[in-house]
Amino acid sequence: MDREEAFDHIARIAAEHALIAKGFGGLITIVHPQAQRQFGIEDRCLYMAGQGEFPGVSPVADTKYKHTEASASAVIGD
């Protein structure tokens, strides 16, 4: 298995299990279900995986999501 196949395999597993918080252009952010619940993004992850209904956006969850996104960017160097 080469690197591209490995990435596709990991992405497929993450998508099937609603672990992806966001993704674009070959970059995916995988988030543990416990962290999804902690930061209020579990409904979004489930919806994107086709496992839930369109989430209502609460101001608290949206703020936590933006904070988490900024923290993740700082960690990975975006």
N, C-alpha and C. Protein backbone atom coordinates (compact mmCIF):
# COMPACT_ATOMS: atom_id res chain seq x y z
N MET A 1 0.86 -1.17 0.00
CA MET A 1 0.00 0.00 0.00
C MET A 1 0.90 1.23 0.00
N ASP A 2 0.65 2.13 -0.95
CA ASP A 2 1.44 3.36 -0.96
C ASP A 2 0.75 4.43 -0.11
N ARG A 3 1.36 5.60 -0.01
CA ARG A 3 0.84 6.66 0.86
C ARG A 3 -0.53 7.15 0.44
N GLU A 4 -0.75 7.26 -0.85
CA GLU A 4 -2.05 7.72 -1.33
C GLU A 4 -3.15 6.73 -0.97
N GLU A 5 -2.87 5.45 -1.15
CA GLU A 5 -3.84 4.42 -0.79
C GLU A 5 -4.10 4.41 0.72
N ALA A 6 -3.04 4.61 1.50
CA ALA A 6 -3.20 4.66 2.96
C ALA A 6 -4.08 5.83 3.37
N PHE A 7 -3.85 6.99 2.77
CA PHE A 7 -4.67 8.16 3.08
C PHE A 7 -6.13 7.90 2.73
N ASP A 8 -6.37 7.36 1.54
CA ASP A 8 -7.74 7.06 1.12
C ASP A 8 -8.41 6.08 2.07
N HIS A 9 -7.66 5.08 2.52
CA HIS A 9 -8.18 4.08 3.45
C HIS A 9 -8.55 4.73 4.79
N ILE A 10 -7.66 5.54 5.32
CA ILE A 10 -7.91 6.24 6.59
C ILE A 10 -9.10 7.18 6.46
N ALA A 11 -9.15 7.94 5.37
CA ALA A 11 -10.26 8.88 5.16
C ALA A 11 -11.59 8.15 5.05
N ARG A 12 -11.59 7.01 4.39
CA ARG A 12 -12.83 6.24 4.24
C ARG A 12 -13.31 5.74 5.61
N ILE A 13 -12.41 5.22 6.43
CA ILE A 13 -12.78 4.75 7.77
C ILE A 13 -13.29 5.92 8.61
N ALA A 14 -12.59 7.04 8.57
CA ALA A 14 -13.00 8.22 9.35
C ALA A 14 -14.38 8.70 8.92
N ALA A 15 -14.65 8.71 7.62
CA ALA A 15 -15.95 9.15 7.12
C ALA A 15 -17.06 8.19 7.53
N GLU A 16 -16.79 6.90 7.43
CA GLU A 16 -17.79 5.90 7.80
C GLU A 16 -18.17 5.97 9.28
N HIS A 17 -17.26 6.44 10.11
CA HIS A 17 -17.49 6.48 11.55
C HIS A 17 -17.73 7.89 12.09
N ALA A 18 -18.01 8.82 11.18
CA ALA A 18 -18.34 10.21 11.54
C ALA A 18 -17.26 10.85 12.41
N LEU A 19 -16.01 10.70 12.01
CA LEU A 19 -14.90 11.26 12.76
C LEU A 19 -14.33 12.53 12.13
N ILE A 20 -14.84 12.93 10.97
CA ILE A 20 -14.29 14.09 10.26
C ILE A 20 -15.06 15.35 10.64
N ALA A 21 -14.31 16.34 11.14
CA ALA A 21 -14.92 17.63 11.50
C ALA A 21 -14.95 18.55 10.29
N LYS A 22 -13.92 18.48 9.46
CA LYS A 22 -13.89 19.28 8.24
C LYS A 22 -12.88 18.66 7.29
N GLY A 23 -13.01 19.00 6.02
CA GLY A 23 -12.08 18.50 5.04
C GLY A 23 -12.17 19.29 3.76
N PHE A 24 -11.01 19.49 3.12
CA PHE A 24 -10.99 20.21 1.85
C PHE A 24 -9.62 20.03 1.22
N GLY A 25 -9.59 19.74 -0.05
CA GLY A 25 -8.36 19.72 -0.81
C GLY A 25 -7.29 18.77 -0.30
N GLY A 26 -7.68 17.59 0.14
CA GLY A 26 -6.70 16.62 0.60
C GLY A 26 -6.31 16.76 2.06
N LEU A 27 -6.97 17.64 2.78
CA LEU A 27 -6.71 17.82 4.21
C LEU A 27 -7.99 17.50 4.96
N ILE A 28 -7.91 16.59 5.94
CA ILE A 28 -9.07 16.29 6.77
C ILE A 28 -8.69 16.47 8.23
N THR A 29 -9.66 16.88 9.01
CA THR A 29 -9.47 17.02 10.45
C THR A 29 -10.31 15.93 11.11
N ILE A 30 -9.64 14.97 11.73
CA ILE A 30 -10.30 13.86 12.40
C ILE A 30 -10.39 14.20 13.88
N VAL A 31 -11.60 14.05 14.45
CA VAL A 31 -11.83 14.43 15.84
C VAL A 31 -12.45 13.25 16.59
N HIS A 32 -11.88 12.93 17.74
CA HIS A 32 -12.40 11.85 18.59
C HIS A 32 -13.83 12.18 19.00
N PRO A 33 -14.72 11.16 19.06
CA PRO A 33 -16.11 11.42 19.43
C PRO A 33 -16.28 12.15 20.77
N GLN A 34 -15.44 11.85 21.73
CA GLN A 34 -15.52 12.54 23.03
C GLN A 34 -15.23 14.03 22.86
N ALA A 35 -14.24 14.36 22.05
CA ALA A 35 -13.92 15.77 21.78
C ALA A 35 -15.03 16.42 20.97
N GLN A 36 -15.66 15.67 20.06
CA GLN A 36 -16.79 16.21 19.30
C GLN A 36 -17.89 16.65 20.26
N ARG A 37 -18.19 15.79 21.25
CA ARG A 37 -19.22 16.13 22.23
C ARG A 37 -18.79 17.31 23.09
N GLN A 38 -17.53 17.31 23.51
CA GLN A 38 -17.01 18.37 24.38
C GLN A 38 -17.12 19.74 23.72
N PHE A 39 -16.85 19.82 22.43
CA PHE A 39 -16.84 21.09 21.74
C PHE A 39 -18.12 21.36 20.94
N GLY A 40 -19.12 20.48 21.10
CA GLY A 40 -20.42 20.72 20.50
C GLY A 40 -20.48 20.57 19.00
N ILE A 41 -19.64 19.70 18.42
CA ILE A 41 -19.65 19.53 16.96
C ILE A 41 -20.09 18.13 16.53
N GLU A 42 -20.50 17.31 17.49
CA GLU A 42 -20.86 15.93 17.15
C GLU A 42 -22.00 15.88 16.12
N ASP A 43 -23.02 16.72 16.29
CA ASP A 43 -24.14 16.74 15.33
C ASP A 43 -23.66 17.06 13.92
N ARG A 44 -22.72 17.99 13.80
CA ARG A 44 -22.18 18.35 12.48
C ARG A 44 -21.43 17.18 11.85
N CYS A 45 -20.61 16.51 12.66
CA CYS A 45 -19.83 15.37 12.15
C CYS A 45 -20.76 14.24 11.70
N LEU A 46 -21.79 13.97 12.51
CA LEU A 46 -22.75 12.93 12.15
C LEU A 46 -23.50 13.30 10.87
N TYR A 47 -23.89 14.56 10.74
CA TYR A 47 -24.61 15.02 9.55
C TYR A 47 -23.73 14.86 8.30
N MET A 48 -22.48 15.29 8.39
CA MET A 48 -21.59 15.20 7.22
C MET A 48 -21.34 13.76 6.81
N ALA A 49 -21.45 12.82 7.77
CA ALA A 49 -21.25 11.41 7.46
C ALA A 49 -22.55 10.74 7.03
N GLY A 50 -23.64 11.51 6.95
CA GLY A 50 -24.91 10.95 6.55
C GLY A 50 -25.57 10.14 7.65
N GLN A 51 -25.18 10.41 8.91
CA GLN A 51 -25.70 9.64 10.03
C GLN A 51 -26.58 10.46 10.97
N GLY A 52 -26.91 11.66 10.56
CA GLY A 52 -27.74 12.50 11.41
C GLY A 52 -28.44 13.56 10.60
N GLU A 53 -29.35 14.25 11.25
CA GLU A 53 -30.08 15.32 10.60
C GLU A 53 -29.26 16.59 10.62
N PHE A 54 -29.67 17.54 9.78
CA PHE A 54 -28.97 18.83 9.73
C PHE A 54 -29.01 19.46 11.12
N PRO A 55 -27.84 19.80 11.65
CA PRO A 55 -27.80 20.32 13.02
C PRO A 55 -28.26 21.77 13.10
N GLY A 56 -28.96 22.07 14.17
CA GLY A 56 -29.26 23.46 14.47
C GLY A 56 -27.99 24.07 15.04
N VAL A 57 -27.70 25.27 14.67
CA VAL A 57 -26.46 25.90 15.13
C VAL A 57 -26.77 26.69 16.39
N SER A 58 -26.17 26.26 17.49
CA SER A 58 -26.32 27.02 18.73
C SER A 58 -25.13 27.96 18.84
N PRO A 59 -25.32 29.14 19.37
CA PRO A 59 -24.21 30.08 19.51
C PRO A 59 -23.06 29.51 20.33
N VAL A 60 -23.37 28.73 21.35
CA VAL A 60 -22.32 28.14 22.20
C VAL A 60 -21.52 27.13 21.41
N ALA A 61 -22.19 26.23 20.71
CA ALA A 61 -21.49 25.22 19.92
C ALA A 61 -20.67 25.86 18.83
N ASP A 62 -21.21 26.89 18.17
CA ASP A 62 -20.50 27.56 17.09
C ASP A 62 -19.23 28.24 17.62
N THR A 63 -19.32 28.87 18.78
CA THR A 63 -18.16 29.51 19.40
C THR A 63 -17.11 28.47 19.76
N LYS A 64 -17.55 27.37 20.37
CA LYS A 64 -16.61 26.30 20.74
C LYS A 64 -15.94 25.72 19.50
N TYR A 65 -16.72 25.54 18.41
CA TYR A 65 -16.18 24.99 17.18
C TYR A 65 -15.10 25.91 16.61
N LYS A 66 -15.36 27.21 16.58
CA LYS A 66 -14.39 28.15 16.06
C LYS A 66 -13.14 28.18 16.92
N HIS A 67 -13.31 28.08 18.25
CA HIS A 67 -12.18 28.05 19.17
C HIS A 67 -11.35 26.80 18.93
N THR A 68 -12.01 25.65 18.76
CA THR A 68 -11.32 24.39 18.52
C THR A 68 -10.59 24.44 17.19
N GLU A 69 -11.23 25.01 16.18
CA GLU A 69 -10.60 25.12 14.86
C GLU A 69 -9.33 25.97 14.94
N ALA A 70 -9.39 27.08 15.69
CA ALA A 70 -8.22 27.94 15.84
C ALA A 70 -7.12 27.21 16.62
N SER A 71 -7.50 26.47 17.66
CA SER A 71 -6.51 25.73 18.44
C SER A 71 -5.84 24.66 17.60
N ALA A 72 -6.64 23.93 16.81
CA ALA A 72 -6.08 22.89 15.95
C ALA A 72 -5.14 23.50 14.93
N SER A 73 -5.50 24.65 14.38
CA SER A 73 -4.62 25.30 13.40
C SER A 73 -3.30 25.70 14.03
N ALA A 74 -3.34 26.15 15.27
CA ALA A 74 -2.10 26.53 15.96
C ALA A 74 -1.21 25.31 16.18
N VAL A 75 -1.82 24.17 16.51
CA VAL A 75 -1.06 22.96 16.76
C VAL A 75 -0.41 22.43 15.50
N ILE A 76 -1.15 22.44 14.38
CA ILE A 76 -0.59 21.88 13.15
C ILE A 76 0.15 22.92 12.32
N GLY A 77 0.14 24.16 12.77
CA GLY A 77 0.95 25.18 12.10
C GLY A 77 0.31 25.85 10.92
N ASP A 78 -1.01 25.95 10.90
CA ASP A 78 -1.68 26.66 9.80
C ASP A 78 -1.48 28.15 9.95
